Full PDB file with SEQRES, HELIX, SHEET, SSBOND, CRYST1, ORIGX, SCALE, CONECT and MASTER records, all heavy atoms in Angstrom:
SEQRES   1 A   44  VAL GLU ASP GLY ARG VAL THR THR ASN ALA GLY ILE THR          
SEQRES   2 A   44  SER GLY THR VAL GLY ALA LEU ARG LEU VAL GLU ARG LEU          
SEQRES   3 A   44  ALA GLY ARG ALA GLU ALA GLY ARG ILE GLY GLU SER LEU          
SEQRES   4 A   44  ALA TYR PRO GLY TRP                                          
HELIX    1 AA1 ILE A   12  ALA A   27  1                                  16    
HELIX    2 AA2 ARG A   29  LEU A   39  1                                  11    
SHEET    1 AA1 2 GLU A   2  ASP A   3  0                                        
SHEET    2 AA1 2 VAL A   6  THR A   7 -1                                        
CRYST1    1.000    1.000    1.000  90.00  90.00  90.00 P 1           1          
ORIGX1      1.000000  0.000000  0.000000        0.00000                         
ORIGX2      0.000000  1.000000  0.000000        0.00000                         
ORIGX3      0.000000  0.000000  1.000000        0.00000                         
SCALE1      1.000000  0.000000  0.000000        0.00000                         
SCALE2      0.000000  1.000000  0.000000        0.00000                         
SCALE3      0.000000  0.000000  1.000000        0.00000                         
ATOM      1  N   VAL A   1      45.235 -58.063 -11.756  1.00  0.00           N  
ATOM      2  CA  VAL A   1      46.042 -58.832 -10.813  1.00  0.00           C  
ATOM      3  C   VAL A   1      45.094 -59.696  -9.997  1.00  0.00           C  
ATOM      4  O   VAL A   1      44.056 -59.223  -9.526  1.00  0.00           O  
ATOM      5  CB  VAL A   1      46.850 -57.902  -9.871  1.00  0.00           C  
ATOM      6  CG1 VAL A   1      47.591 -58.709  -8.818  1.00  0.00           C  
ATOM      7  CG2 VAL A   1      47.819 -57.050 -10.674  1.00  0.00           C  
ATOM      8  N   GLU A   2      45.445 -60.957  -9.854  1.00  0.00           N  
ATOM      9  CA  GLU A   2      44.654 -61.883  -9.052  1.00  0.00           C  
ATOM     10  C   GLU A   2      45.398 -62.216  -7.769  1.00  0.00           C  
ATOM     11  O   GLU A   2      46.591 -62.492  -7.802  1.00  0.00           O  
ATOM     12  CB  GLU A   2      44.382 -63.165  -9.834  1.00  0.00           C  
ATOM     13  CG  GLU A   2      43.538 -62.931 -11.060  1.00  0.00           C  
ATOM     14  CD  GLU A   2      43.307 -64.202 -11.842  1.00  0.00           C  
ATOM     15  OE1 GLU A   2      44.283 -64.717 -12.411  1.00  0.00           O  
ATOM     16  OE2 GLU A   2      42.169 -64.670 -11.854  1.00  0.00           O  
ATOM     17  N   ASP A   3      44.676 -62.181  -6.677  1.00  0.00           N  
ATOM     18  CA  ASP A   3      45.229 -62.567  -5.383  1.00  0.00           C  
ATOM     19  C   ASP A   3      44.185 -63.449  -4.716  1.00  0.00           C  
ATOM     20  O   ASP A   3      43.242 -62.951  -4.091  1.00  0.00           O  
ATOM     21  CB  ASP A   3      45.538 -61.337  -4.531  1.00  0.00           C  
ATOM     22  CG  ASP A   3      46.233 -61.693  -3.225  1.00  0.00           C  
ATOM     23  OD1 ASP A   3      46.644 -62.864  -3.058  1.00  0.00           O  
ATOM     24  OD2 ASP A   3      46.351 -60.807  -2.373  1.00  0.00           O  
ATOM     25  N   GLY A   4      44.320 -64.734  -4.928  1.00  0.00           N  
ATOM     26  CA  GLY A   4      43.299 -65.651  -4.427  1.00  0.00           C  
ATOM     27  C   GLY A   4      41.991 -65.421  -5.159  1.00  0.00           C  
ATOM     28  O   GLY A   4      41.941 -65.459  -6.375  1.00  0.00           O  
ATOM     29  N   ARG A   5      40.942 -65.114  -4.410  1.00  0.00           N  
ATOM     30  CA  ARG A   5      39.627 -64.891  -5.007  1.00  0.00           C  
ATOM     31  C   ARG A   5      39.389 -63.443  -5.414  1.00  0.00           C  
ATOM     32  O   ARG A   5      38.335 -63.113  -5.936  1.00  0.00           O  
ATOM     33  CB  ARG A   5      38.550 -65.329  -4.024  1.00  0.00           C  
ATOM     34  CG  ARG A   5      38.619 -66.826  -3.730  1.00  0.00           C  
ATOM     35  CD  ARG A   5      37.549 -67.249  -2.788  1.00  0.00           C  
ATOM     36  NE  ARG A   5      36.246 -66.983  -3.404  1.00  0.00           N  
ATOM     37  CZ  ARG A   5      35.104 -67.081  -2.785  1.00  0.00           C  
ATOM     38  NH1 ARG A   5      35.067 -67.433  -1.528  1.00  0.00           N  
ATOM     39  NH2 ARG A   5      33.973 -66.818  -3.396  1.00  0.00           N  
ATOM     40  N   VAL A   6      40.360 -62.568  -5.174  1.00  0.00           N  
ATOM     41  CA  VAL A   6      40.206 -61.145  -5.479  1.00  0.00           C  
ATOM     42  C   VAL A   6      40.941 -60.816  -6.780  1.00  0.00           C  
ATOM     43  O   VAL A   6      42.103 -61.157  -6.951  1.00  0.00           O  
ATOM     44  CB  VAL A   6      40.760 -60.270  -4.328  1.00  0.00           C  
ATOM     45  CG1 VAL A   6      40.702 -58.803  -4.681  1.00  0.00           C  
ATOM     46  CG2 VAL A   6      40.002 -60.555  -3.042  1.00  0.00           C  
ATOM     47  N   THR A   7      40.232 -60.124  -7.678  1.00  0.00           N  
ATOM     48  CA  THR A   7      40.826 -59.655  -8.929  1.00  0.00           C  
ATOM     49  C   THR A   7      40.628 -58.152  -9.002  1.00  0.00           C  
ATOM     50  O   THR A   7      39.521 -57.662  -8.803  1.00  0.00           O  
ATOM     51  CB  THR A   7      40.151 -60.319 -10.147  1.00  0.00           C  
ATOM     52  OG1 THR A   7      40.312 -61.729 -10.051  1.00  0.00           O  
ATOM     53  CG2 THR A   7      40.751 -59.835 -11.454  1.00  0.00           C  
ATOM     54  N   THR A   8      41.702 -57.421  -9.259  1.00  0.00           N  
ATOM     55  CA  THR A   8      41.610 -55.973  -9.427  1.00  0.00           C  
ATOM     56  C   THR A   8      42.071 -55.618 -10.830  1.00  0.00           C  
ATOM     57  O   THR A   8      42.901 -56.312 -11.423  1.00  0.00           O  
ATOM     58  CB  THR A   8      42.465 -55.221  -8.388  1.00  0.00           C  
ATOM     59  OG1 THR A   8      43.821 -55.667  -8.486  1.00  0.00           O  
ATOM     60  CG2 THR A   8      41.960 -55.472  -6.978  1.00  0.00           C  
ATOM     61  N   ASN A   9      41.514 -54.518 -11.363  1.00  0.00           N  
ATOM     62  CA  ASN A   9      41.827 -54.076 -12.723  1.00  0.00           C  
ATOM     63  C   ASN A   9      42.612 -52.784 -12.699  1.00  0.00           C  
ATOM     64  O   ASN A   9      42.468 -51.979 -11.789  1.00  0.00           O  
ATOM     65  CB  ASN A   9      40.537 -53.845 -13.518  1.00  0.00           C  
ATOM     66  CG  ASN A   9      39.753 -55.108 -13.681  1.00  0.00           C  
ATOM     67  OD1 ASN A   9      40.278 -56.113 -14.120  1.00  0.00           O  
ATOM     68  ND2 ASN A   9      38.490 -55.069 -13.307  1.00  0.00           N  
ATOM     69  N   ALA A  10      43.389 -52.573 -13.767  1.00  0.00           N  
ATOM     70  CA  ALA A  10      44.226 -51.378 -13.864  1.00  0.00           C  
ATOM     71  C   ALA A  10      43.425 -50.149 -14.270  1.00  0.00           C  
ATOM     72  O   ALA A  10      43.794 -49.041 -13.928  1.00  0.00           O  
ATOM     73  CB  ALA A  10      45.355 -51.604 -14.864  1.00  0.00           C  
ATOM     74  N   GLY A  11      42.351 -50.305 -14.997  1.00  0.00           N  
ATOM     75  CA  GLY A  11      41.596 -49.139 -15.457  1.00  0.00           C  
ATOM     76  C   GLY A  11      40.401 -49.553 -16.280  1.00  0.00           C  
ATOM     77  O   GLY A  11      40.020 -50.724 -16.296  1.00  0.00           O  
ATOM     78  N   ILE A  12      39.837 -48.610 -16.984  1.00  0.00           N  
ATOM     79  CA  ILE A  12      38.576 -48.849 -17.692  1.00  0.00           C  
ATOM     80  C   ILE A  12      38.712 -49.937 -18.753  1.00  0.00           C  
ATOM     81  O   ILE A  12      37.977 -50.921 -18.731  1.00  0.00           O  
ATOM     82  CB  ILE A  12      38.048 -47.541 -18.303  1.00  0.00           C  
ATOM     83  CG1 ILE A  12      37.681 -46.583 -17.172  1.00  0.00           C  
ATOM     84  CG2 ILE A  12      36.846 -47.802 -19.194  1.00  0.00           C  
ATOM     85  CD1 ILE A  12      37.337 -45.197 -17.606  1.00  0.00           C  
ATOM     86  N   THR A  13      39.616 -49.794 -19.691  1.00  0.00           N  
ATOM     87  CA  THR A  13      39.727 -50.807 -20.741  1.00  0.00           C  
ATOM     88  C   THR A  13      40.312 -52.113 -20.208  1.00  0.00           C  
ATOM     89  O   THR A  13      40.004 -53.180 -20.717  1.00  0.00           O  
ATOM     90  CB  THR A  13      40.560 -50.314 -21.940  1.00  0.00           C  
ATOM     91  OG1 THR A  13      41.859 -49.958 -21.489  1.00  0.00           O  
ATOM     92  CG2 THR A  13      39.900 -49.133 -22.613  1.00  0.00           C  
ATOM     93  N   SER A  14      41.123 -52.032 -19.170  1.00  0.00           N  
ATOM     94  CA  SER A  14      41.647 -53.252 -18.548  1.00  0.00           C  
ATOM     95  C   SER A  14      40.526 -54.023 -17.860  1.00  0.00           C  
ATOM     96  O   SER A  14      40.635 -55.221 -17.655  1.00  0.00           O  
ATOM     97  CB  SER A  14      42.724 -52.908 -17.532  1.00  0.00           C  
ATOM     98  OG  SER A  14      43.836 -52.339 -18.166  1.00  0.00           O  
ATOM     99  N   GLY A  15      39.460 -53.325 -17.518  1.00  0.00           N  
ATOM    100  CA  GLY A  15      38.312 -53.979 -16.900  1.00  0.00           C  
ATOM    101  C   GLY A  15      37.695 -55.024 -17.803  1.00  0.00           C  
ATOM    102  O   GLY A  15      37.194 -56.045 -17.323  1.00  0.00           O  
ATOM    103  N   THR A  16      37.733 -54.799 -19.106  1.00  0.00           N  
ATOM    104  CA  THR A  16      37.196 -55.778 -20.050  1.00  0.00           C  
ATOM    105  C   THR A  16      37.997 -57.069 -19.967  1.00  0.00           C  
ATOM    106  O   THR A  16      37.431 -58.157 -19.874  1.00  0.00           O  
ATOM    107  CB  THR A  16      37.245 -55.217 -21.492  1.00  0.00           C  
ATOM    108  OG1 THR A  16      36.485 -54.016 -21.534  1.00  0.00           O  
ATOM    109  CG2 THR A  16      36.707 -56.217 -22.489  1.00  0.00           C  
ATOM    110  N   VAL A  17      39.304 -56.952 -19.972  1.00  0.00           N  
ATOM    111  CA  VAL A  17      40.169 -58.136 -19.896  1.00  0.00           C  
ATOM    112  C   VAL A  17      39.999 -58.826 -18.541  1.00  0.00           C  
ATOM    113  O   VAL A  17      39.899 -60.049 -18.462  1.00  0.00           O  
ATOM    114  CB  VAL A  17      41.641 -57.749 -20.146  1.00  0.00           C  
ATOM    115  CG1 VAL A  17      42.548 -58.944 -20.009  1.00  0.00           C  
ATOM    116  CG2 VAL A  17      41.790 -57.124 -21.516  1.00  0.00           C  
ATOM    117  N   GLY A  18      39.935 -58.040 -17.466  1.00  0.00           N  
ATOM    118  CA  GLY A  18      39.733 -58.609 -16.138  1.00  0.00           C  
ATOM    119  C   GLY A  18      38.386 -59.294 -16.015  1.00  0.00           C  
ATOM    120  O   GLY A  18      38.274 -60.371 -15.423  1.00  0.00           O  
ATOM    121  N   ALA A  19      37.349 -58.697 -16.586  1.00  0.00           N  
ATOM    122  CA  ALA A  19      36.018 -59.299 -16.540  1.00  0.00           C  
ATOM    123  C   ALA A  19      35.975 -60.610 -17.312  1.00  0.00           C  
ATOM    124  O   ALA A  19      35.362 -61.587 -16.865  1.00  0.00           O  
ATOM    125  CB  ALA A  19      34.986 -58.328 -17.095  1.00  0.00           C  
ATOM    126  N   LEU A  20      36.651 -60.651 -18.457  1.00  0.00           N  
ATOM    127  CA  LEU A  20      36.703 -61.901 -19.218  1.00  0.00           C  
ATOM    128  C   LEU A  20      37.457 -62.980 -18.453  1.00  0.00           C  
ATOM    129  O   LEU A  20      37.115 -64.160 -18.532  1.00  0.00           O  
ATOM    130  CB  LEU A  20      37.315 -61.658 -20.595  1.00  0.00           C  
ATOM    131  CG  LEU A  20      36.418 -60.884 -21.554  1.00  0.00           C  
ATOM    132  CD1 LEU A  20      37.200 -60.451 -22.788  1.00  0.00           C  
ATOM    133  CD2 LEU A  20      35.200 -61.700 -21.941  1.00  0.00           C  
ATOM    134  N   ARG A  21      38.457 -62.591 -17.692  1.00  0.00           N  
ATOM    135  CA  ARG A  21      39.169 -63.558 -16.849  1.00  0.00           C  
ATOM    136  C   ARG A  21      38.236 -64.109 -15.775  1.00  0.00           C  
ATOM    137  O   ARG A  21      38.223 -65.302 -15.493  1.00  0.00           O  
ATOM    138  CB  ARG A  21      40.406 -62.900 -16.213  1.00  0.00           C  
ATOM    139  CG  ARG A  21      41.116 -63.760 -15.211  1.00  0.00           C  
ATOM    140  CD  ARG A  21      41.677 -65.041 -15.830  1.00  0.00           C  
ATOM    141  NE  ARG A  21      42.343 -65.804 -14.789  1.00  0.00           N  
ATOM    142  CZ  ARG A  21      42.153 -67.091 -14.572  1.00  0.00           C  
ATOM    143  NH1 ARG A  21      41.347 -67.784 -15.350  1.00  0.00           N  
ATOM    144  NH2 ARG A  21      42.783 -67.711 -13.605  1.00  0.00           N  
ATOM    145  N   LEU A  22      37.401 -63.243 -15.188  1.00  0.00           N  
ATOM    146  CA  LEU A  22      36.441 -63.710 -14.193  1.00  0.00           C  
ATOM    147  C   LEU A  22      35.406 -64.645 -14.813  1.00  0.00           C  
ATOM    148  O   LEU A  22      35.031 -65.652 -14.205  1.00  0.00           O  
ATOM    149  CB  LEU A  22      35.743 -62.531 -13.516  1.00  0.00           C  
ATOM    150  CG  LEU A  22      36.615 -61.708 -12.579  1.00  0.00           C  
ATOM    151  CD1 LEU A  22      35.831 -60.508 -12.056  1.00  0.00           C  
ATOM    152  CD2 LEU A  22      37.112 -62.555 -11.422  1.00  0.00           C  
ATOM    153  N   VAL A  23      34.952 -64.324 -16.019  1.00  0.00           N  
ATOM    154  CA  VAL A  23      34.027 -65.218 -16.715  1.00  0.00           C  
ATOM    155  C   VAL A  23      34.681 -66.580 -16.912  1.00  0.00           C  
ATOM    156  O   VAL A  23      34.062 -67.624 -16.699  1.00  0.00           O  
ATOM    157  CB  VAL A  23      33.573 -64.624 -18.064  1.00  0.00           C  
ATOM    158  CG1 VAL A  23      32.820 -65.652 -18.900  1.00  0.00           C  
ATOM    159  CG2 VAL A  23      32.722 -63.390 -17.850  1.00  0.00           C  
ATOM    160  N   GLU A  24      35.950 -66.549 -17.303  1.00  0.00           N  
ATOM    161  CA  GLU A  24      36.682 -67.812 -17.489  1.00  0.00           C  
ATOM    162  C   GLU A  24      36.716 -68.615 -16.197  1.00  0.00           C  
ATOM    163  O   GLU A  24      36.465 -69.821 -16.193  1.00  0.00           O  
ATOM    164  CB  GLU A  24      38.102 -67.526 -17.971  1.00  0.00           C  
ATOM    165  CG  GLU A  24      38.920 -68.776 -18.186  1.00  0.00           C  
ATOM    166  CD  GLU A  24      40.349 -68.478 -18.597  1.00  0.00           C  
ATOM    167  OE1 GLU A  24      40.760 -67.307 -18.653  1.00  0.00           O  
ATOM    168  OE2 GLU A  24      41.084 -69.459 -18.841  1.00  0.00           O  
ATOM    169  N   ARG A  25      36.992 -67.955 -15.085  1.00  0.00           N  
ATOM    170  CA  ARG A  25      37.065 -68.652 -13.792  1.00  0.00           C  
ATOM    171  C   ARG A  25      35.709 -69.184 -13.347  1.00  0.00           C  
ATOM    172  O   ARG A  25      35.611 -70.263 -12.787  1.00  0.00           O  
ATOM    173  CB  ARG A  25      37.626 -67.728 -12.730  1.00  0.00           C  
ATOM    174  CG  ARG A  25      39.115 -67.475 -12.910  1.00  0.00           C  
ATOM    175  CD  ARG A  25      39.656 -66.487 -11.931  1.00  0.00           C  
ATOM    176  NE  ARG A  25      39.515 -66.937 -10.556  1.00  0.00           N  
ATOM    177  CZ  ARG A  25      39.751 -66.169  -9.508  1.00  0.00           C  
ATOM    178  NH1 ARG A  25      40.137 -64.915  -9.678  1.00  0.00           N  
ATOM    179  NH2 ARG A  25      39.617 -66.632  -8.297  1.00  0.00           N  
ATOM    180  N   LEU A  26      34.646 -68.401 -13.590  1.00  0.00           N  
ATOM    181  CA  LEU A  26      33.321 -68.771 -13.090  1.00  0.00           C  
ATOM    182  C   LEU A  26      32.519 -69.646 -14.046  1.00  0.00           C  
ATOM    183  O   LEU A  26      31.755 -70.509 -13.600  1.00  0.00           O  
ATOM    184  CB  LEU A  26      32.518 -67.503 -12.766  1.00  0.00           C  
ATOM    185  CG  LEU A  26      33.101 -66.619 -11.671  1.00  0.00           C  
ATOM    186  CD1 LEU A  26      32.332 -65.304 -11.589  1.00  0.00           C  
ATOM    187  CD2 LEU A  26      33.086 -67.338 -10.330  1.00  0.00           C  
ATOM    188  N   ALA A  27      32.660 -69.407 -15.352  1.00  0.00           N  
ATOM    189  CA  ALA A  27      31.814 -70.118 -16.318  1.00  0.00           C  
ATOM    190  C   ALA A  27      32.598 -70.990 -17.289  1.00  0.00           C  
ATOM    191  O   ALA A  27      31.990 -71.691 -18.097  1.00  0.00           O  
ATOM    192  CB  ALA A  27      30.972 -69.109 -17.098  1.00  0.00           C  
ATOM    193  N   GLY A  28      33.928 -70.911 -17.249  1.00  0.00           N  
ATOM    194  CA  GLY A  28      34.749 -71.762 -18.100  1.00  0.00           C  
ATOM    195  C   GLY A  28      35.336 -71.047 -19.302  1.00  0.00           C  
ATOM    196  O   GLY A  28      34.900 -69.969 -19.698  1.00  0.00           O  
ATOM    197  N   ARG A  29      36.364 -71.692 -19.856  1.00  0.00           N  
ATOM    198  CA  ARG A  29      37.103 -71.109 -20.989  1.00  0.00           C  
ATOM    199  C   ARG A  29      36.235 -70.943 -22.225  1.00  0.00           C  
ATOM    200  O   ARG A  29      36.345 -69.960 -22.941  1.00  0.00           O  
ATOM    201  CB  ARG A  29      38.310 -71.979 -21.328  1.00  0.00           C  
ATOM    202  CG  ARG A  29      39.405 -71.902 -20.289  1.00  0.00           C  
ATOM    203  CD  ARG A  29      40.590 -72.796 -20.645  1.00  0.00           C  
ATOM    204  NE  ARG A  29      41.239 -72.448 -21.872  1.00  0.00           N  
ATOM    205  CZ  ARG A  29      42.158 -71.481 -22.018  1.00  0.00           C  
ATOM    206  NH1 ARG A  29      42.519 -70.771 -20.976  1.00  0.00           N  
ATOM    207  NH2 ARG A  29      42.701 -71.243 -23.188  1.00  0.00           N  
ATOM    208  N   ALA A  30      35.374 -71.905 -22.490  1.00  0.00           N  
ATOM    209  CA  ALA A  30      34.543 -71.823 -23.690  1.00  0.00           C  
ATOM    210  C   ALA A  30      33.639 -70.591 -23.641  1.00  0.00           C  
ATOM    211  O   ALA A  30      33.495 -69.877 -24.643  1.00  0.00           O  
ATOM    212  CB  ALA A  30      33.712 -73.092 -23.849  1.00  0.00           C  
ATOM    213  N   GLU A  31      33.034 -70.341 -22.487  1.00  0.00           N  
ATOM    214  CA  GLU A  31      32.147 -69.181 -22.363  1.00  0.00           C  
ATOM    215  C   GLU A  31      32.932 -67.874 -22.450  1.00  0.00           C  
ATOM    216  O   GLU A  31      32.501 -66.924 -23.099  1.00  0.00           O  
ATOM    217  CB  GLU A  31      31.358 -69.251 -21.055  1.00  0.00           C  
ATOM    218  CG  GLU A  31      30.331 -68.169 -20.895  1.00  0.00           C  
ATOM    219  CD  GLU A  31      29.195 -68.236 -21.910  1.00  0.00           C  
ATOM    220  OE1 GLU A  31      29.133 -69.168 -22.738  1.00  0.00           O  
ATOM    221  OE2 GLU A  31      28.362 -67.329 -21.882  1.00  0.00           O  
ATOM    222  N   ALA A  32      34.087 -67.807 -21.803  1.00  0.00           N  
ATOM    223  CA  ALA A  32      34.922 -66.607 -21.894  1.00  0.00           C  
ATOM    224  C   ALA A  32      35.364 -66.376 -23.336  1.00  0.00           C  
ATOM    225  O   ALA A  32      35.362 -65.245 -23.822  1.00  0.00           O  
ATOM    226  CB  ALA A  32      36.134 -66.718 -20.981  1.00  0.00           C  
ATOM    227  N   GLY A  33      35.717 -67.436 -24.034  1.00  0.00           N  
ATOM    228  CA  GLY A  33      36.105 -67.325 -25.432  1.00  0.00           C  
ATOM    229  C   GLY A  33      34.960 -66.849 -26.302  1.00  0.00           C  
ATOM    230  O   GLY A  33      35.129 -65.991 -27.167  1.00  0.00           O  
ATOM    231  N   ARG A  34      33.758 -67.374 -26.056  1.00  0.00           N  
ATOM    232  CA  ARG A  34      32.576 -66.970 -26.830  1.00  0.00           C  
ATOM    233  C   ARG A  34      32.285 -65.481 -26.631  1.00  0.00           C  
ATOM    234  O   ARG A  34      32.090 -64.744 -27.591  1.00  0.00           O  
ATOM    235  CB  ARG A  34      31.365 -67.796 -26.406  1.00  0.00           C  
ATOM    236  CG  ARG A  34      30.111 -67.512 -27.218  1.00  0.00           C  
ATOM    237  CD  ARG A  34      28.901 -68.205 -26.630  1.00  0.00           C  
ATOM    238  NE  ARG A  34      28.486 -67.608 -25.370  1.00  0.00           N  
ATOM    239  CZ  ARG A  34      27.820 -66.451 -25.259  1.00  0.00           C  
ATOM    240  NH1 ARG A  34      27.515 -65.748 -26.339  1.00  0.00           N  
ATOM    241  NH2 ARG A  34      27.467 -65.995 -24.071  1.00  0.00           N  
ATOM    242  N   ILE A  35      32.299 -65.042 -25.377  1.00  0.00           N  
ATOM    243  CA  ILE A  35      32.026 -63.632 -25.082  1.00  0.00           C  
ATOM    244  C   ILE A  35      33.137 -62.746 -25.637  1.00  0.00           C  
ATOM    245  O   ILE A  35      32.875 -61.707 -26.236  1.00  0.00           O  
ATOM    246  CB  ILE A  35      31.849 -63.421 -23.572  1.00  0.00           C  
ATOM    247  CG1 ILE A  35      30.591 -64.139 -23.096  1.00  0.00           C  
ATOM    248  CG2 ILE A  35      31.790 -61.936 -23.229  1.00  0.00           C  
ATOM    249  CD1 ILE A  35      30.451 -64.201 -21.591  1.00  0.00           C  
ATOM    250  N   GLY A  36      34.389 -63.144 -25.430  1.00  0.00           N  
ATOM    251  CA  GLY A  36      35.525 -62.359 -25.925  1.00  0.00           C  
ATOM    252  C   GLY A  36      35.485 -62.173 -27.426  1.00  0.00           C  
ATOM    253  O   GLY A  36      35.738 -61.081 -27.935  1.00  0.00           O  
ATOM    254  N   GLU A  37      35.143 -63.226 -28.148  1.00  0.00           N  
ATOM    255  CA  GLU A  37      35.054 -63.122 -29.603  1.00  0.00           C  
ATOM    256  C   GLU A  37      33.908 -62.209 -30.021  1.00  0.00           C  
ATOM    257  O   GLU A  37      34.031 -61.433 -30.960  1.00  0.00           O  
ATOM    258  CB  GLU A  37      34.890 -64.504 -30.225  1.00  0.00           C  
ATOM    259  CG  GLU A  37      36.162 -65.322 -30.176  1.00  0.00           C  
ATOM    260  CD  GLU A  37      35.975 -66.724 -30.715  1.00  0.00           C  
ATOM    261  OE1 GLU A  37      34.956 -66.979 -31.400  1.00  0.00           O  
ATOM    262  OE2 GLU A  37      36.839 -67.568 -30.453  1.00  0.00           O  
ATOM    263  N   SER A  38      32.788 -62.274 -29.305  1.00  0.00           N  
ATOM    264  CA  SER A  38      31.653 -61.423 -29.673  1.00  0.00           C  
ATOM    265  C   SER A  38      31.930 -59.954 -29.359  1.00  0.00           C  
ATOM    266  O   SER A  38      31.398 -59.069 -30.022  1.00  0.00           O  
ATOM    267  CB  SER A  38      30.370 -61.886 -28.973  1.00  0.00           C  
ATOM    268  OG  SER A  38      30.430 -61.646 -27.591  1.00  0.00           O  
ATOM    269  N   LEU A  39      32.775 -59.676 -28.340  1.00  0.00           N  
ATOM    270  CA  LEU A  39      33.147 -58.298 -28.031  1.00  0.00           C  
ATOM    271  C   LEU A  39      34.136 -57.728 -29.030  1.00  0.00           C  
ATOM    272  O   LEU A  39      34.231 -56.516 -29.193  1.00  0.00           O  
ATOM    273  CB  LEU A  39      33.774 -58.216 -26.634  1.00  0.00           C  
ATOM    274  CG  LEU A  39      32.861 -58.441 -25.443  1.00  0.00           C  
ATOM    275  CD1 LEU A  39      33.675 -58.427 -24.152  1.00  0.00           C  
ATOM    276  CD2 LEU A  39      31.772 -57.386 -25.399  1.00  0.00           C  
ATOM    277  N   ALA A  40      34.900 -58.611 -29.675  1.00  0.00           N  
ATOM    278  CA  ALA A  40      35.936 -58.202 -30.637  1.00  0.00           C  
ATOM    279  C   ALA A  40      36.890 -57.188 -30.007  1.00  0.00           C  
ATOM    280  O   ALA A  40      37.262 -56.196 -30.622  1.00  0.00           O  
ATOM    281  CB  ALA A  40      35.320 -57.655 -31.914  1.00  0.00           C  
ATOM    282  N   TYR A  41      37.285 -57.428 -28.756  1.00  0.00           N  
ATOM    283  CA  TYR A  41      38.211 -56.536 -28.064  1.00  0.00           C  
ATOM    284  C   TYR A  41      39.591 -56.677 -28.697  1.00  0.00           C  
ATOM    285  O   TYR A  41      40.120 -57.784 -28.813  1.00  0.00           O  
ATOM    286  CB  TYR A  41      38.263 -56.890 -26.579  1.00  0.00           C  
ATOM    287  CG  TYR A  41      39.060 -55.926 -25.753  1.00  0.00           C  
ATOM    288  CD1 TYR A  41      38.537 -54.693 -25.401  1.00  0.00           C  
ATOM    289  CD2 TYR A  41      40.342 -56.238 -25.339  1.00  0.00           C  
ATOM    290  CE1 TYR A  41      39.265 -53.792 -24.646  1.00  0.00           C  
ATOM    291  CE2 TYR A  41      41.083 -55.347 -24.583  1.00  0.00           C  
ATOM    292  CZ  TYR A  41      40.539 -54.134 -24.237  1.00  0.00           C  
ATOM    293  OH  TYR A  41      41.265 -53.240 -23.501  1.00  0.00           O  
ATOM    294  N   PRO A  42      40.197 -55.574 -29.157  1.00  0.00           N  
ATOM    295  CA  PRO A  42      41.469 -55.643 -29.894  1.00  0.00           C  
ATOM    296  C   PRO A  42      42.583 -56.337 -29.102  1.00  0.00           C  
ATOM    297  O   PRO A  42      42.857 -55.978 -27.968  1.00  0.00           O  
ATOM    298  CB  PRO A  42      41.827 -54.171 -30.134  1.00  0.00           C  
ATOM    299  CG  PRO A  42      40.573 -53.415 -29.931  1.00  0.00           C  
ATOM    300  CD  PRO A  42      39.739 -54.214 -28.972  1.00  0.00           C  
ATOM    301  N   GLY A  43      43.180 -57.342 -29.720  1.00  0.00           N  
ATOM    302  CA  GLY A  43      44.334 -58.007 -29.140  1.00  0.00           C  
ATOM    303  C   GLY A  43      44.039 -59.004 -28.031  1.00  0.00           C  
ATOM    304  O   GLY A  43      44.947 -59.593 -27.472  1.00  0.00           O  
ATOM    305  N   TRP A  44      42.754 -59.236 -27.709  1.00  0.00           N  
ATOM    306  CA  TRP A  44      42.435 -60.148 -26.618  1.00  0.00           C  
ATOM    307  C   TRP A  44      42.408 -61.589 -27.096  1.00  0.00           C  
ATOM    308  O   TRP A  44      41.866 -61.904 -28.151  1.00  0.00           O  
ATOM    309  CB  TRP A  44      41.077 -59.824 -25.999  1.00  0.00           C  
ATOM    310  CG  TRP A  44      40.717 -60.787 -24.917  1.00  0.00           C  
ATOM    311  CD1 TRP A  44      41.116 -60.743 -23.632  1.00  0.00           C  
ATOM    312  CD2 TRP A  44      39.927 -61.965 -25.053  1.00  0.00           C  
ATOM    313  NE1 TRP A  44      40.621 -61.815 -22.939  1.00  0.00           N  
ATOM    314  CE2 TRP A  44      39.886 -62.588 -23.791  1.00  0.00           C  
ATOM    315  CE3 TRP A  44      39.266 -62.564 -26.104  1.00  0.00           C  
ATOM    316  CZ2 TRP A  44      39.189 -63.767 -23.562  1.00  0.00           C  
ATOM    317  CZ3 TRP A  44      38.575 -63.742 -25.865  1.00  0.00           C  
ATOM    318  CH2 TRP A  44      38.541 -64.323 -24.613  1.00  0.00           C  
TER     319      TRP A  44                                                      
MASTER        0    0    0    2    2    0    0    6  318    1    0    4          
END                                                                             
């Protein structure tokens, strides 16, 4: 869940998705996509 500049995660595996969202916000979609693909996180 995002509330302005604060992002909280639901749990351990949700942290991966939340972290990739932060990468997207801070470094851009291309970088988040590159990292997400290299992690091969199921369904992301």
